[in-house]
N, C-alpha and C. Protein backbone atom coordinates (compact mmCIF):
# COMPACT_ATOMS: atom_id res chain seq x y z
N MET A 1 102.10 92.90 105.12
CA MET A 1 102.19 92.59 103.71
C MET A 1 101.18 93.40 102.90
N LYS A 2 99.97 93.56 103.45
CA LYS A 2 98.95 94.31 102.73
C LYS A 2 99.34 95.78 102.57
N ILE A 3 99.92 96.35 103.61
CA ILE A 3 100.30 97.76 103.55
C ILE A 3 101.45 97.96 102.57
N THR A 4 102.35 97.00 102.46
CA THR A 4 103.44 97.08 101.49
C THR A 4 102.87 97.05 100.07
N LEU A 5 101.96 96.15 99.83
CA LEU A 5 101.31 96.07 98.52
C LEU A 5 100.53 97.36 98.24
N PHE A 6 99.86 97.90 99.25
CA PHE A 6 99.15 99.16 99.07
C PHE A 6 100.10 100.27 98.63
N TYR A 7 101.24 100.39 99.31
CA TYR A 7 102.18 101.45 98.95
C TYR A 7 102.75 101.26 97.55
N VAL A 8 103.03 100.04 97.15
CA VAL A 8 103.55 99.78 95.80
C VAL A 8 102.51 100.20 94.76
N ILE A 9 101.26 99.85 94.97
CA ILE A 9 100.19 100.25 94.05
C ILE A 9 100.00 101.76 94.10
N PHE A 10 100.07 102.34 95.28
CA PHE A 10 99.93 103.79 95.46
C PHE A 10 100.99 104.54 94.65
N PHE A 11 102.26 104.11 94.76
CA PHE A 11 103.33 104.78 94.02
C PHE A 11 103.19 104.54 92.51
N SER A 12 102.76 103.36 92.12
CA SER A 12 102.55 103.09 90.69
C SER A 12 101.44 103.95 90.13
N LEU A 13 100.39 104.14 90.90
CA LEU A 13 99.29 105.00 90.47
C LEU A 13 99.76 106.43 90.28
N TRP A 14 100.58 106.93 91.21
CA TRP A 14 101.10 108.29 91.07
C TRP A 14 102.06 108.39 89.88
N ARG A 15 102.80 107.32 89.58
CA ARG A 15 103.67 107.32 88.40
C ARG A 15 102.81 107.43 87.14
N LEU A 16 101.69 106.70 87.11
CA LEU A 16 100.78 106.77 85.97
C LEU A 16 100.20 108.17 85.82
N ILE A 17 99.79 108.78 86.93
CA ILE A 17 99.25 110.14 86.88
C ILE A 17 100.31 111.11 86.38
N PHE A 18 101.54 110.96 86.86
CA PHE A 18 102.63 111.82 86.41
C PHE A 18 102.83 111.70 84.90
N LEU A 19 102.80 110.47 84.39
CA LEU A 19 102.98 110.26 82.96
C LEU A 19 101.82 110.84 82.16
N ILE A 20 100.61 110.70 82.65
CA ILE A 20 99.45 111.24 81.94
C ILE A 20 99.49 112.76 81.89
N VAL A 21 99.84 113.38 83.01
CA VAL A 21 99.90 114.85 83.06
C VAL A 21 100.98 115.39 82.13
N ASN A 22 102.07 114.64 81.97
CA ASN A 22 103.21 115.14 81.22
C ASN A 22 103.39 114.50 79.86
N ILE A 23 102.31 114.02 79.26
CA ILE A 23 102.38 113.48 77.90
C ILE A 23 102.66 114.64 76.94
N PRO A 24 103.69 114.50 76.10
CA PRO A 24 103.93 115.56 75.11
C PRO A 24 102.76 115.63 74.13
N GLU A 25 102.37 116.84 73.80
CA GLU A 25 101.21 117.03 72.92
C GLU A 25 101.53 116.69 71.46
N ASP A 26 102.80 116.62 71.11
CA ASP A 26 103.15 116.32 69.73
C ASP A 26 103.14 114.82 69.42
N GLY A 27 102.86 113.99 70.42
CA GLY A 27 102.77 112.54 70.22
C GLY A 27 104.12 111.88 70.02
N SER A 28 105.19 112.49 70.48
CA SER A 28 106.53 111.94 70.28
C SER A 28 106.86 110.78 71.22
N VAL A 29 106.07 110.61 72.27
CA VAL A 29 106.30 109.53 73.22
C VAL A 29 105.11 108.58 73.18
N HIS A 30 105.40 107.29 73.06
CA HIS A 30 104.34 106.28 73.01
C HIS A 30 104.30 105.53 74.34
N TRP A 31 103.16 104.92 74.64
CA TRP A 31 103.00 104.20 75.90
C TRP A 31 103.99 103.06 76.03
N LYS A 32 104.34 102.43 74.91
CA LYS A 32 105.29 101.31 75.00
C LYS A 32 106.66 101.78 75.46
N ASP A 33 106.95 103.07 75.27
CA ASP A 33 108.22 103.62 75.75
C ASP A 33 108.20 103.93 77.24
N THR A 34 107.02 104.18 77.78
CA THR A 34 106.92 104.57 79.19
C THR A 34 106.61 103.38 80.12
N LEU A 35 106.15 102.28 79.56
CA LEU A 35 105.82 101.11 80.40
C LEU A 35 107.01 100.57 81.19
N PRO A 36 108.24 100.58 80.64
CA PRO A 36 109.36 100.09 81.46
C PRO A 36 109.59 100.90 82.74
N SER A 37 109.10 102.13 82.80
CA SER A 37 109.29 102.91 84.02
C SER A 37 108.59 102.26 85.21
N PHE A 38 107.50 101.55 84.96
CA PHE A 38 106.81 100.85 86.04
C PHE A 38 107.64 99.67 86.53
N PHE A 39 108.28 98.97 85.60
CA PHE A 39 109.12 97.83 86.00
C PHE A 39 110.36 98.31 86.74
N TYR A 40 111.04 99.33 86.21
CA TYR A 40 112.26 99.81 86.85
C TYR A 40 111.97 100.55 88.15
N GLY A 41 110.80 101.16 88.25
CA GLY A 41 110.42 101.85 89.47
C GLY A 41 109.94 100.92 90.57
N LEU A 42 109.67 99.66 90.23
CA LEU A 42 109.15 98.72 91.21
C LEU A 42 110.12 98.51 92.37
N ARG A 43 111.40 98.40 92.07
CA ARG A 43 112.38 98.23 93.16
C ARG A 43 112.40 99.44 94.09
N MET A 44 112.31 100.63 93.50
CA MET A 44 112.30 101.84 94.31
C MET A 44 111.00 101.92 95.13
N ASP A 45 109.88 101.50 94.54
CA ASP A 45 108.60 101.51 95.26
C ASP A 45 108.62 100.56 96.44
N ILE A 46 109.16 99.37 96.23
CA ILE A 46 109.25 98.40 97.32
C ILE A 46 110.17 98.93 98.41
N SER A 47 111.28 99.51 98.01
CA SER A 47 112.22 100.07 98.98
C SER A 47 111.58 101.19 99.80
N MET A 48 110.89 102.08 99.13
CA MET A 48 110.24 103.19 99.84
C MET A 48 109.14 102.69 100.76
N SER A 49 108.38 101.70 100.33
CA SER A 49 107.32 101.17 101.19
C SER A 49 107.92 100.52 102.44
N CYS A 50 109.08 99.89 102.30
CA CYS A 50 109.73 99.30 103.48
C CYS A 50 110.21 100.39 104.43
N TYR A 51 110.72 101.48 103.89
CA TYR A 51 111.11 102.60 104.75
C TYR A 51 109.90 103.16 105.50
N LEU A 52 108.77 103.23 104.82
CA LEU A 52 107.57 103.78 105.44
C LEU A 52 106.98 102.83 106.49
N LEU A 53 107.39 101.58 106.47
CA LEU A 53 106.90 100.62 107.46
C LEU A 53 107.75 100.59 108.72
N VAL A 54 108.86 101.29 108.73
CA VAL A 54 109.73 101.33 109.91
C VAL A 54 108.99 101.88 111.14
N PRO A 55 108.24 102.99 111.02
CA PRO A 55 107.50 103.45 112.22
C PRO A 55 106.53 102.40 112.77
N THR A 56 105.89 101.64 111.88
CA THR A 56 104.99 100.59 112.33
C THR A 56 105.74 99.52 113.11
N LEU A 57 106.88 99.15 112.59
CA LEU A 57 107.71 98.15 113.27
C LEU A 57 108.16 98.66 114.64
N LEU A 58 108.62 99.89 114.68
CA LEU A 58 109.07 100.46 115.95
C LEU A 58 107.93 100.57 116.96
N LEU A 59 106.76 100.98 116.48
CA LEU A 59 105.60 101.05 117.38
C LEU A 59 105.29 99.69 117.99
N ASN A 60 105.30 98.68 117.15
CA ASN A 60 104.99 97.33 117.65
C ASN A 60 106.06 96.81 118.59
N LEU A 61 107.30 97.19 118.39
CA LEU A 61 108.37 96.74 119.29
C LEU A 61 108.36 97.51 120.61
N ILE A 62 108.17 98.82 120.53
CA ILE A 62 108.22 99.65 121.73
C ILE A 62 106.99 99.43 122.60
N PHE A 63 105.83 99.42 121.98
CA PHE A 63 104.58 99.32 122.73
C PHE A 63 104.01 97.90 122.71
N TYR A 64 104.88 96.95 122.85
CA TYR A 64 104.47 95.55 122.80
C TYR A 64 103.48 95.20 123.90
N VAL A 65 103.55 95.87 125.02
CA VAL A 65 102.69 95.55 126.16
C VAL A 65 101.35 96.29 126.13
N TYR A 66 101.23 97.32 125.30
CA TYR A 66 99.99 98.08 125.24
C TYR A 66 98.96 97.36 124.37
N PRO A 67 97.69 97.73 124.54
CA PRO A 67 96.65 97.10 123.73
C PRO A 67 96.86 97.38 122.23
N LYS A 68 96.52 96.41 121.45
CA LYS A 68 96.71 96.49 120.00
C LYS A 68 95.87 97.62 119.38
N LYS A 69 94.75 97.95 120.01
CA LYS A 69 93.87 98.99 119.47
C LYS A 69 94.59 100.35 119.47
N ILE A 70 95.31 100.66 120.51
CA ILE A 70 96.04 101.94 120.58
C ILE A 70 97.13 101.99 119.52
N ILE A 71 97.85 100.90 119.37
CA ILE A 71 98.92 100.85 118.37
C ILE A 71 98.33 101.00 116.97
N ASN A 72 97.22 100.35 116.70
CA ASN A 72 96.59 100.45 115.38
C ASN A 72 96.11 101.86 115.08
N GLN A 73 95.59 102.56 116.09
CA GLN A 73 95.15 103.94 115.88
C GLN A 73 96.33 104.86 115.57
N ILE A 74 97.40 104.73 116.32
CA ILE A 74 98.60 105.54 116.07
C ILE A 74 99.16 105.22 114.69
N ASP A 75 99.20 103.96 114.36
CA ASP A 75 99.70 103.51 113.07
C ASP A 75 98.85 104.07 111.93
N PHE A 76 97.54 104.06 112.11
CA PHE A 76 96.63 104.60 111.10
C PHE A 76 96.92 106.08 110.84
N PHE A 77 97.08 106.86 111.90
CA PHE A 77 97.34 108.29 111.74
C PHE A 77 98.71 108.56 111.10
N ILE A 78 99.69 107.74 111.42
CA ILE A 78 101.00 107.90 110.79
C ILE A 78 100.90 107.65 109.29
N HIS A 79 100.25 106.56 108.90
CA HIS A 79 100.13 106.25 107.48
C HIS A 79 99.23 107.25 106.75
N ALA A 80 98.19 107.71 107.39
CA ALA A 80 97.34 108.73 106.77
C ALA A 80 98.13 110.01 106.52
N PHE A 81 98.92 110.42 107.50
CA PHE A 81 99.76 111.61 107.34
C PHE A 81 100.75 111.44 106.20
N VAL A 82 101.41 110.28 106.15
CA VAL A 82 102.39 110.01 105.10
C VAL A 82 101.72 110.01 103.72
N ILE A 83 100.56 109.41 103.60
CA ILE A 83 99.86 109.36 102.32
C ILE A 83 99.47 110.76 101.87
N ILE A 84 98.99 111.58 102.79
CA ILE A 84 98.61 112.95 102.44
C ILE A 84 99.83 113.76 101.99
N VAL A 85 100.92 113.66 102.73
CA VAL A 85 102.13 114.41 102.37
C VAL A 85 102.67 113.96 101.02
N ILE A 86 102.78 112.66 100.83
CA ILE A 86 103.31 112.15 99.55
C ILE A 86 102.40 112.53 98.40
N SER A 87 101.10 112.47 98.60
CA SER A 87 100.16 112.84 97.53
C SER A 87 100.33 114.30 97.13
N HIS A 88 100.48 115.18 98.11
CA HIS A 88 100.67 116.59 97.79
C HIS A 88 101.99 116.84 97.07
N VAL A 89 103.04 116.20 97.53
CA VAL A 89 104.36 116.41 96.91
C VAL A 89 104.37 115.87 95.48
N VAL A 90 103.83 114.68 95.27
CA VAL A 90 103.86 114.09 93.94
C VAL A 90 102.93 114.83 92.99
N ALA A 91 101.77 115.26 93.46
CA ALA A 91 100.87 116.04 92.61
C ALA A 91 101.53 117.37 92.23
N GLY A 92 102.14 118.03 93.19
CA GLY A 92 102.86 119.27 92.90
C GLY A 92 104.01 119.03 91.95
N ASN A 93 104.68 117.90 92.11
CA ASN A 93 105.79 117.56 91.23
C ASN A 93 105.32 117.36 89.79
N ALA A 94 104.19 116.69 89.60
CA ALA A 94 103.67 116.46 88.26
C ALA A 94 103.30 117.77 87.58
N VAL A 95 102.64 118.64 88.30
CA VAL A 95 102.24 119.93 87.72
C VAL A 95 103.46 120.81 87.46
N LEU A 96 104.38 120.84 88.41
CA LEU A 96 105.58 121.66 88.26
C LEU A 96 106.41 121.18 87.06
N TYR A 97 106.53 119.88 86.91
CA TYR A 97 107.30 119.35 85.79
C TYR A 97 106.64 119.70 84.46
N HIS A 98 105.32 119.72 84.45
CA HIS A 98 104.59 120.07 83.22
C HIS A 98 104.93 121.49 82.77
N PHE A 99 105.06 122.41 83.71
CA PHE A 99 105.32 123.80 83.35
C PHE A 99 106.81 124.15 83.26
N TRP A 100 107.63 123.60 84.14
CA TRP A 100 109.04 123.99 84.21
C TRP A 100 110.01 122.96 83.65
N ASN A 101 109.53 121.75 83.34
CA ASN A 101 110.41 120.63 82.93
C ASN A 101 111.48 120.37 83.99
N SER A 102 111.09 120.50 85.24
CA SER A 102 112.00 120.28 86.36
C SER A 102 111.20 119.74 87.53
N MET A 103 111.83 118.88 88.29
CA MET A 103 111.18 118.35 89.49
C MET A 103 111.24 119.40 90.60
N ILE A 104 110.58 119.11 91.72
CA ILE A 104 110.62 120.03 92.85
C ILE A 104 112.05 120.17 93.34
N ASN A 105 112.48 121.39 93.47
CA ASN A 105 113.83 121.68 93.96
C ASN A 105 113.78 122.95 94.80
N PHE A 106 114.93 123.50 95.14
CA PHE A 106 114.97 124.69 96.00
C PHE A 106 114.28 125.87 95.34
N ARG A 107 114.42 126.00 94.04
CA ARG A 107 113.78 127.12 93.33
C ARG A 107 112.26 127.08 93.51
N ALA A 108 111.68 125.90 93.36
CA ALA A 108 110.23 125.77 93.51
C ALA A 108 109.79 126.02 94.94
N VAL A 109 110.55 125.52 95.90
CA VAL A 109 110.20 125.70 97.30
C VAL A 109 110.37 127.15 97.73
N SER A 110 111.31 127.88 97.12
CA SER A 110 111.54 129.28 97.49
C SER A 110 110.33 130.15 97.15
N TYR A 111 109.51 129.72 96.19
CA TYR A 111 108.30 130.48 95.86
C TYR A 111 107.24 130.37 96.96
N LEU A 112 107.36 129.40 97.84
CA LEU A 112 106.38 129.25 98.91
C LEU A 112 106.50 130.33 99.97
N VAL A 113 107.59 131.08 99.96
CA VAL A 113 107.74 132.18 100.91
C VAL A 113 106.68 133.24 100.64
N ASP A 114 106.40 133.48 99.35
CA ASP A 114 105.37 134.43 98.95
C ASP A 114 104.33 133.67 98.12
N PRO A 115 103.25 133.19 98.73
CA PRO A 115 102.28 132.36 98.02
C PRO A 115 101.63 133.05 96.82
N THR A 116 101.60 134.37 96.78
CA THR A 116 101.00 135.04 95.62
C THR A 116 101.83 134.79 94.36
N GLU A 117 103.12 134.55 94.50
CA GLU A 117 103.96 134.23 93.35
C GLU A 117 103.58 132.91 92.71
N VAL A 118 103.09 131.99 93.51
CA VAL A 118 102.75 130.67 93.01
C VAL A 118 101.59 130.76 92.02
N PHE A 119 100.63 131.63 92.30
CA PHE A 119 99.40 131.66 91.51
C PHE A 119 99.40 132.71 90.41
N THR A 120 100.52 133.39 90.18
CA THR A 120 100.60 134.32 89.07
C THR A 120 101.00 133.57 87.82
N PHE A 121 100.33 133.89 86.73
CA PHE A 121 100.64 133.20 85.45
C PHE A 121 101.21 134.17 84.46
């Protein structure tokens, strides 16, 4: 339950960061207009956190006879890896959307073939 709550707060925090990074400078969008995104995104956040808990469930079912310490260590590394990957993708998504008005797609990923293209302005 705690890890589910953590993921929901984690995704909400990244939604807030995305909104802050992409605030229009002309003031055409107000906070009262963006607050419903947290409510409507809550179902998606809960769903995604449940998907991310599947490896934990499988670990506990498969390695039921092994010591709990080993399972907890493996579980910790899985969640740490997932948090790092999601943080990088969402941070890149926020910055990319700020410049291109588009989320990460094939065009953005194709620039990773030549990293010097990424840093040219």
